[in-house]
């Protein structure tokens, strides 16, 4: 049995806090599907190297969830 497909609205958007959104707002909106989709590669890189969010790295499970969303085609 395979796990359900990861979606932006149900799985990814809730990972980004208001403070994360505010910190990145000058570049793009972390609560916008289109913006996150367009910048997914850069976001994944920064999540993986621990430089995002700026107040501490995500746990590995969250990074893996984001990467899985990208790998599965970034469903909305």
PDB file of N, CA and C in Angstrom:
ATOM      1  N   UNK A   1       0.847  -1.187   0.000  1.00  0.00           N
ATOM      2  CA  UNK A   1       0.000   0.000   0.000  1.00  0.00           C
ATOM      3  C   UNK A   1       0.891   1.247   0.000  1.00  0.00           C
ATOM      4  N   UNK A   2       0.631   2.151  -0.908  1.00  0.00           N
ATOM      5  CA  UNK A   2       1.445   3.366  -0.973  1.00  0.00           C
ATOM      6  C   UNK A   2       0.795   4.485  -0.159  1.00  0.00           C
ATOM      7  N   UNK A   3       1.624   5.383   0.295  1.00  0.00           N
ATOM      8  CA  UNK A   3       1.134   6.520   1.077  1.00  0.00           C
ATOM      9  C   UNK A   3       0.384   7.482   0.154  1.00  0.00           C
ATOM     10  N   UNK A   4      -0.524   8.237   0.719  1.00  0.00           N
ATOM     11  CA  UNK A   4      -1.277   9.223  -0.050  1.00  0.00           C
ATOM     12  C   UNK A   4      -0.334  10.276  -0.624  1.00  0.00           C
ATOM     13  N   UNK A   5      -0.707  10.812  -1.770  1.00  0.00           N
ATOM     14  CA  UNK A   5       0.106  11.842  -2.398  1.00  0.00           C
ATOM     15  C   UNK A   5       0.175  13.071  -1.499  1.00  0.00           C
ATOM     16  N   UNK A   6       1.341  13.657  -1.441  1.00  0.00           N
ATOM     17  CA  UNK A   6       1.553  14.874  -0.664  1.00  0.00           C
ATOM     18  C   UNK A   6       0.980  16.050  -1.452  1.00  0.00           C
ATOM     19  N   UNK A   7       0.235  16.931  -0.774  1.00  0.00           N
ATOM     20  CA  UNK A   7      -0.334  18.104  -1.447  1.00  0.00           C
ATOM     21  C   UNK A   7       0.160  19.386  -0.771  1.00  0.00           C
ATOM     22  N   UNK A   8       0.166  20.449  -1.545  1.00  0.00           N
ATOM     23  CA  UNK A   8       0.590  21.741  -1.005  1.00  0.00           C
ATOM     24  C   UNK A   8      -0.358  22.203   0.092  1.00  0.00           C
ATOM     25  N   UNK A   9      -1.642  22.246  -0.233  1.00  0.00           N
ATOM     26  CA  UNK A   9      -2.616  22.785   0.719  1.00  0.00           C
ATOM     27  C   UNK A   9      -2.718  21.956   2.000  1.00  0.00           C
ATOM     28  N   UNK A  10      -2.670  20.645   1.875  1.00  0.00           N
ATOM     29  CA  UNK A  10      -2.859  19.784   3.027  1.00  0.00           C
ATOM     30  C   UNK A  10      -1.604  19.466   3.822  1.00  0.00           C
ATOM     31  N   UNK A  11      -0.456  19.462   3.150  1.00  0.00           N
ATOM     32  CA  UNK A  11       0.769  18.998   3.798  1.00  0.00           C
ATOM     33  C   UNK A  11       1.903  20.024   3.868  1.00  0.00           C
ATOM     34  N   UNK A  12       2.099  20.772   2.805  1.00  0.00           N
ATOM     35  CA  UNK A  12       3.276  21.651   2.715  1.00  0.00           C
ATOM     36  C   UNK A  12       3.023  23.033   3.302  1.00  0.00           C
ATOM     37  N   UNK A  13       1.971  23.687   2.878  1.00  0.00           N
ATOM     38  CA  UNK A  13       1.672  25.035   3.381  1.00  0.00           C
ATOM     39  C   UNK A  13       1.640  25.088   4.907  1.00  0.00           C
ATOM     40  N   UNK A  14       1.015  24.102   5.589  1.00  0.00           N
ATOM     41  CA  UNK A  14       0.982  24.156   7.058  1.00  0.00           C
ATOM     42  C   UNK A  14       2.359  24.060   7.732  1.00  0.00           C
ATOM     43  N   UNK A  15       3.374  23.617   7.007  1.00  0.00           N
ATOM     44  CA  UNK A  15       4.722  23.535   7.584  1.00  0.00           C
ATOM     45  C   UNK A  15       5.350  24.915   7.767  1.00  0.00           C
ATOM     46  N   UNK A  16       4.908  25.870   6.961  1.00  0.00           N
ATOM     47  CA  UNK A  16       5.471  27.216   7.012  1.00  0.00           C
ATOM     48  C   UNK A  16       4.685  28.080   7.986  1.00  0.00           C
ATOM     49  N   UNK A  17       5.370  28.586   8.997  1.00  0.00           N
ATOM     50  CA  UNK A  17       4.736  29.432  10.009  1.00  0.00           C
ATOM     51  C   UNK A  17       4.582  30.859   9.487  1.00  0.00           C
ATOM     52  N   UNK A  18       3.772  31.646  10.177  1.00  0.00           N
ATOM     53  CA  UNK A  18       3.601  33.060   9.818  1.00  0.00           C
ATOM     54  C   UNK A  18       4.949  33.769   9.805  1.00  0.00           C
ATOM     55  N   UNK A  19       5.809  33.485  10.785  1.00  0.00           N
ATOM     56  CA  UNK A  19       7.116  34.158  10.835  1.00  0.00           C
ATOM     57  C   UNK A  19       8.000  33.748   9.665  1.00  0.00           C
ATOM     58  N   UNK A  20       7.873  32.509   9.165  1.00  0.00           N
ATOM     59  CA  UNK A  20       8.624  32.086   7.979  1.00  0.00           C
ATOM     60  C   UNK A  20       8.131  32.860   6.762  1.00  0.00           C
ATOM     61  N   UNK A  21       6.810  32.965   6.667  1.00  0.00           N
ATOM     62  CA  UNK A  21       6.203  33.686   5.550  1.00  0.00           C
ATOM     63  C   UNK A  21       6.644  35.153   5.552  1.00  0.00           C
ATOM     64  N   UNK A  22       6.604  35.782   6.718  1.00  0.00           N
ATOM     65  CA  UNK A  22       6.999  37.188   6.825  1.00  0.00           C
ATOM     66  C   UNK A  22       8.468  37.385   6.465  1.00  0.00           C
ATOM     67  N   UNK A  23       9.320  36.469   6.912  1.00  0.00           N
ATOM     68  CA  UNK A  23      10.757  36.589   6.648  1.00  0.00           C
ATOM     69  C   UNK A  23      11.069  36.500   5.155  1.00  0.00           C
ATOM     70  N   UNK A  24      10.290  35.723   4.413  1.00  0.00           N
ATOM     71  CA  UNK A  24      10.563  35.516   2.989  1.00  0.00           C
ATOM     72  C   UNK A  24       9.711  36.374   2.069  1.00  0.00           C
ATOM     73  N   UNK A  25       8.791  37.126   2.622  1.00  0.00           N
ATOM     74  CA  UNK A  25       7.802  37.870   1.833  1.00  0.00           C
ATOM     75  C   UNK A  25       8.436  38.790   0.794  1.00  0.00           C
ATOM     76  N   UNK A  26       9.615  39.332   1.099  1.00  0.00           N
ATOM     77  CA  UNK A  26      10.252  40.244   0.130  1.00  0.00           C
ATOM     78  C   UNK A  26      10.665  39.517  -1.154  1.00  0.00           C
ATOM     79  N   UNK A  27      10.891  38.215  -1.057  1.00  0.00           N
ATOM     80  CA  UNK A  27      11.297  37.430  -2.227  1.00  0.00           C
ATOM     81  C   UNK A  27      10.110  36.698  -2.866  1.00  0.00           C
ATOM     82  N   UNK A  28       9.307  36.032  -2.026  1.00  0.00           N
ATOM     83  CA  UNK A  28       8.129  35.307  -2.484  1.00  0.00           C
ATOM     84  C   UNK A  28       7.287  34.911  -1.281  1.00  0.00           C
ATOM     85  N   UNK A  29       6.077  34.415  -1.562  1.00  0.00           N
ATOM     86  CA  UNK A  29       5.118  34.083  -0.507  1.00  0.00           C
ATOM     87  C   UNK A  29       5.105  32.578  -0.268  1.00  0.00           C
ATOM     88  N   UNK A  30       5.523  32.154   0.927  1.00  0.00           N
ATOM     89  CA  UNK A  30       5.555  30.731   1.260  1.00  0.00           C
ATOM     90  C   UNK A  30       4.162  30.115   1.388  1.00  0.00           C
ATOM     91  N   UNK A  31       3.128  30.914   1.430  1.00  0.00           N
ATOM     92  CA  UNK A  31       1.761  30.383   1.499  1.00  0.00           C
ATOM     93  C   UNK A  31       1.098  30.385   0.126  1.00  0.00           C
ATOM     94  N   UNK A  32       1.854  30.736  -0.908  1.00  0.00           N
ATOM     95  CA  UNK A  32       1.341  30.744  -2.277  1.00  0.00           C
ATOM     96  C   UNK A  32       1.846  29.507  -3.018  1.00  0.00           C
ATOM     97  N   UNK A  33       0.915  28.687  -3.491  1.00  0.00           N
ATOM     98  CA  UNK A  33       1.296  27.486  -4.235  1.00  0.00           C
ATOM     99  C   UNK A  33       2.219  27.836  -5.400  1.00  0.00           C
ATOM    100  N   UNK A  34       1.843  28.834  -6.186  1.00  0.00           N
ATOM    101  CA  UNK A  34       2.636  29.210  -7.359  1.00  0.00           C
ATOM    102  C   UNK A  34       4.043  29.645  -7.000  1.00  0.00           C
ATOM    103  N   UNK A  35       4.175  30.427  -5.943  1.00  0.00           N
ATOM    104  CA  UNK A  35       5.498  30.894  -5.521  1.00  0.00           C
ATOM    105  C   UNK A  35       6.358  29.744  -5.019  1.00  0.00           C
ATOM    106  N   UNK A  36       5.789  28.890  -4.190  1.00  0.00           N
ATOM    107  CA  UNK A  36       6.571  27.767  -3.650  1.00  0.00           C
ATOM    108  C   UNK A  36       6.929  26.803  -4.775  1.00  0.00           C
ATOM    109  N   UNK A  37       6.012  26.564  -5.686  1.00  0.00           N
ATOM    110  CA  UNK A  37       6.296  25.693  -6.827  1.00  0.00           C
ATOM    111  C   UNK A  37       7.440  26.272  -7.661  1.00  0.00           C
ATOM    112  N   UNK A  38       7.396  27.568  -7.934  1.00  0.00           N
ATOM    113  CA  UNK A  38       8.422  28.214  -8.753  1.00  0.00           C
ATOM    114  C   UNK A  38       9.799  28.202  -8.090  1.00  0.00           C
ATOM    115  N   UNK A  39       9.837  28.224  -6.772  1.00  0.00           N
ATOM    116  CA  UNK A  39      11.098  28.294  -6.033  1.00  0.00           C
ATOM    117  C   UNK A  39      11.417  26.997  -5.281  1.00  0.00           C
ATOM    118  N   UNK A  40      10.737  25.908  -5.636  1.00  0.00           N
ATOM    119  CA  UNK A  40      10.864  24.648  -4.894  1.00  0.00           C
ATOM    120  C   UNK A  40      12.302  24.142  -4.803  1.00  0.00           C
ATOM    121  N   UNK A  41      13.054  24.264  -5.874  1.00  0.00           N
ATOM    122  CA  UNK A  41      14.442  23.792  -5.857  1.00  0.00           C
ATOM    123  C   UNK A  41      15.285  24.537  -4.838  1.00  0.00           C
ATOM    124  N   UNK A  42      15.181  25.842  -4.839  1.00  0.00           N
ATOM    125  CA  UNK A  42      15.943  26.658  -3.887  1.00  0.00           C
ATOM    126  C   UNK A  42      15.463  26.429  -2.458  1.00  0.00           C
ATOM    127  N   UNK A  43      14.160  26.319  -2.275  1.00  0.00           N
ATOM    128  CA  UNK A  43      13.622  26.067  -0.940  1.00  0.00           C
ATOM    129  C   UNK A  43      14.134  24.730  -0.424  1.00  0.00           C
ATOM    130  N   UNK A  44      14.067  23.698  -1.253  1.00  0.00           N
ATOM    131  CA  UNK A  44      14.540  22.367  -0.848  1.00  0.00           C
ATOM    132  C   UNK A  44      16.017  22.405  -0.469  1.00  0.00           C
ATOM    133  N   UNK A  45      16.815  23.119  -1.238  1.00  0.00           N
ATOM    134  CA  UNK A  45      18.255  23.221  -0.949  1.00  0.00           C
ATOM    135  C   UNK A  45      18.482  23.850   0.424  1.00  0.00           C
ATOM    136  N   UNK A  46      17.788  24.931   0.692  1.00  0.00           N
ATOM    137  CA  UNK A  46      17.957  25.629   1.972  1.00  0.00           C
ATOM    138  C   UNK A  46      17.384  24.834   3.149  1.00  0.00           C
ATOM    139  N   UNK A  47      16.294  24.125   2.920  1.00  0.00           N
ATOM    140  CA  UNK A  47      15.756  23.271   3.978  1.00  0.00           C
ATOM    141  C   UNK A  47      16.742  22.150   4.297  1.00  0.00           C
ATOM    142  N   UNK A  48      17.316  21.582   3.241  1.00  0.00           N
ATOM    143  CA  UNK A  48      18.234  20.450   3.420  1.00  0.00           C
ATOM    144  C   UNK A  48      19.524  20.862   4.108  1.00  0.00           C
ATOM    145  N   UNK A  49      20.042  22.052   3.766  1.00  0.00           N
ATOM    146  CA  UNK A  49      21.316  22.476   4.393  1.00  0.00           C
ATOM    147  C   UNK A  49      21.099  23.164   5.744  1.00  0.00           C
ATOM    148  N   UNK A  50      19.832  23.309   6.153  1.00  0.00           N
ATOM    149  CA  UNK A  50      19.522  23.852   7.465  1.00  0.00           C
ATOM    150  C   UNK A  50      19.516  25.364   7.567  1.00  0.00           C
ATOM    151  N   UNK A  51      19.678  26.057   6.435  1.00  0.00           N
ATOM    152  CA  UNK A  51      19.695  27.522   6.474  1.00  0.00           C
ATOM    153  C   UNK A  51      18.293  28.126   6.409  1.00  0.00           C
ATOM    154  N   UNK A  52      17.302  27.303   6.262  1.00  0.00           N
ATOM    155  CA  UNK A  52      15.917  27.750   6.233  1.00  0.00           C
ATOM    156  C   UNK A  52      15.106  26.768   7.063  1.00  0.00           C
ATOM    157  N   UNK A  53      14.233  27.223   7.918  1.00  0.00           N
ATOM    158  CA  UNK A  53      14.012  28.611   8.314  1.00  0.00           C
ATOM    159  C   UNK A  53      15.200  29.182   9.086  1.00  0.00           C
ATOM    160  N   UNK A  54      15.224  30.498   9.176  1.00  0.00           N
ATOM    161  CA  UNK A  54      16.394  31.191   9.731  1.00  0.00           C
ATOM    162  C   UNK A  54      16.580  30.970  11.235  1.00  0.00           C
ATOM    163  N   UNK A  55      15.547  30.516  11.931  1.00  0.00           N
ATOM    164  CA  UNK A  55      15.690  30.327  13.386  1.00  0.00           C
ATOM    165  C   UNK A  55      15.959  28.877  13.787  1.00  0.00           C
ATOM    166  N   UNK A  56      16.273  28.036  12.823  1.00  0.00           N
ATOM    167  CA  UNK A  56      16.609  26.650  13.138  1.00  0.00           C
ATOM    168  C   UNK A  56      16.117  25.693  12.072  1.00  0.00           C
ATOM    169  N   UNK A  57      16.897  24.669  11.824  1.00  0.00           N
ATOM    170  CA  UNK A  57      16.580  23.707  10.774  1.00  0.00           C
ATOM    171  C   UNK A  57      15.334  22.887  11.108  1.00  0.00           C
ATOM    172  N   UNK A  58      14.637  22.474  10.065  1.00  0.00           N
ATOM    173  CA  UNK A  58      13.508  21.566  10.210  1.00  0.00           C
ATOM    174  C   UNK A  58      14.018  20.185  10.580  1.00  0.00           C
ATOM    175  N   UNK A  59      13.194  19.397  11.261  1.00  0.00           N
ATOM    176  CA  UNK A  59      13.541  17.989  11.469  1.00  0.00           C
ATOM    177  C   UNK A  59      13.587  17.271  10.112  1.00  0.00           C
ATOM    178  N   UNK A  60      14.348  16.210  10.037  1.00  0.00           N
ATOM    179  CA  UNK A  60      14.520  15.466   8.783  1.00  0.00           C
ATOM    180  C   UNK A  60      13.189  15.054   8.157  1.00  0.00           C
ATOM    181  N   UNK A  61      12.195  14.683   8.988  1.00  0.00           N
ATOM    182  CA  UNK A  61      10.908  14.238   8.442  1.00  0.00           C
ATOM    183  C   UNK A  61      10.226  15.334   7.638  1.00  0.00           C
ATOM    184  N   UNK A  62      10.346  16.576   8.089  1.00  0.00           N
ATOM    185  CA  UNK A  62       9.716  17.693   7.358  1.00  0.00           C
ATOM    186  C   UNK A  62      10.435  17.944   6.044  1.00  0.00           C
ATOM    187  N   UNK A  63      11.760  17.900   6.080  1.00  0.00           N
ATOM    188  CA  UNK A  63      12.544  18.089   4.850  1.00  0.00           C
ATOM    189  C   UNK A  63      12.185  16.992   3.852  1.00  0.00           C
ATOM    190  N   UNK A  64      12.108  15.755   4.330  1.00  0.00           N
ATOM    191  CA  UNK A  64      11.764  14.629   3.463  1.00  0.00           C
ATOM    192  C   UNK A  64      10.360  14.775   2.882  1.00  0.00           C
ATOM    193  N   UNK A  65       9.430  15.289   3.671  1.00  0.00           N
ATOM    194  CA  UNK A  65       8.074  15.510   3.172  1.00  0.00           C
ATOM    195  C   UNK A  65       8.076  16.541   2.046  1.00  0.00           C
ATOM    196  N   UNK A  66       8.826  17.629   2.236  1.00  0.00           N
ATOM    197  CA  UNK A  66       8.916  18.647   1.183  1.00  0.00           C
ATOM    198  C   UNK A  66       9.542  18.045  -0.071  1.00  0.00           C
ATOM    199  N   UNK A  67      10.623  17.292   0.096  1.00  0.00           N
ATOM    200  CA  UNK A  67      11.284  16.673  -1.051  1.00  0.00           C
ATOM    201  C   UNK A  67      10.369  15.667  -1.751  1.00  0.00           C
ATOM    202  N   UNK A  68       9.580  14.945  -0.983  1.00  0.00           N
ATOM    203  CA  UNK A  68       8.632  13.995  -1.569  1.00  0.00           C
ATOM    204  C   UNK A  68       7.577  14.731  -2.381  1.00  0.00           C
ATOM    205  N   UNK A  69       7.103  15.857  -1.865  1.00  0.00           N
ATOM    206  CA  UNK A  69       6.125  16.664  -2.600  1.00  0.00           C
ATOM    207  C   UNK A  69       6.695  17.085  -3.950  1.00  0.00           C
ATOM    208  N   UNK A  70       7.951  17.531  -3.958  1.00  0.00           N
ATOM    209  CA  UNK A  70       8.602  17.932  -5.210  1.00  0.00           C
ATOM    210  C   UNK A  70       8.723  16.726  -6.142  1.00  0.00           C
ATOM    211  N   UNK A  71       9.212  15.614  -5.617  1.00  0.00           N
ATOM    212  CA  UNK A  71       9.417  14.409  -6.428  1.00  0.00           C
ATOM    213  C   UNK A  71       8.118  13.871  -7.027  1.00  0.00           C
ATOM    214  N   UNK A  72       7.010  14.052  -6.306  1.00  0.00           N
ATOM    215  CA  UNK A  72       5.722  13.546  -6.775  1.00  0.00           C
ATOM    216  C   UNK A  72       5.029  14.502  -7.745  1.00  0.00           C
ATOM    217  N   UNK A  73       5.649  15.619  -8.043  1.00  0.00           N
ATOM    218  CA  UNK A  73       5.078  16.532  -9.028  1.00  0.00           C
ATOM    219  C   UNK A  73       4.418  17.777  -8.483  1.00  0.00           C
ATOM    220  N   UNK A  74       4.583  18.040  -7.186  1.00  0.00           N
ATOM    221  CA  UNK A  74       4.107  19.265  -6.546  1.00  0.00           C
ATOM    222  C   UNK A  74       2.605  19.485  -6.694  1.00  0.00           C
ATOM    223  N   UNK A  75       1.825  18.520  -6.244  1.00  0.00           N
ATOM    224  CA  UNK A  75       0.362  18.634  -6.304  1.00  0.00           C
ATOM    225  C   UNK A  75      -0.121  19.786  -5.429  1.00  0.00           C
ATOM    226  N   UNK A  76      -1.146  20.454  -5.925  1.00  0.00           N
ATOM    227  CA  UNK A  76      -1.706  21.558  -5.157  1.00  0.00           C
ATOM    228  C   UNK A  76      -2.577  20.994  -4.066  1.00  0.00           C
TER     229      UNK A  76
END
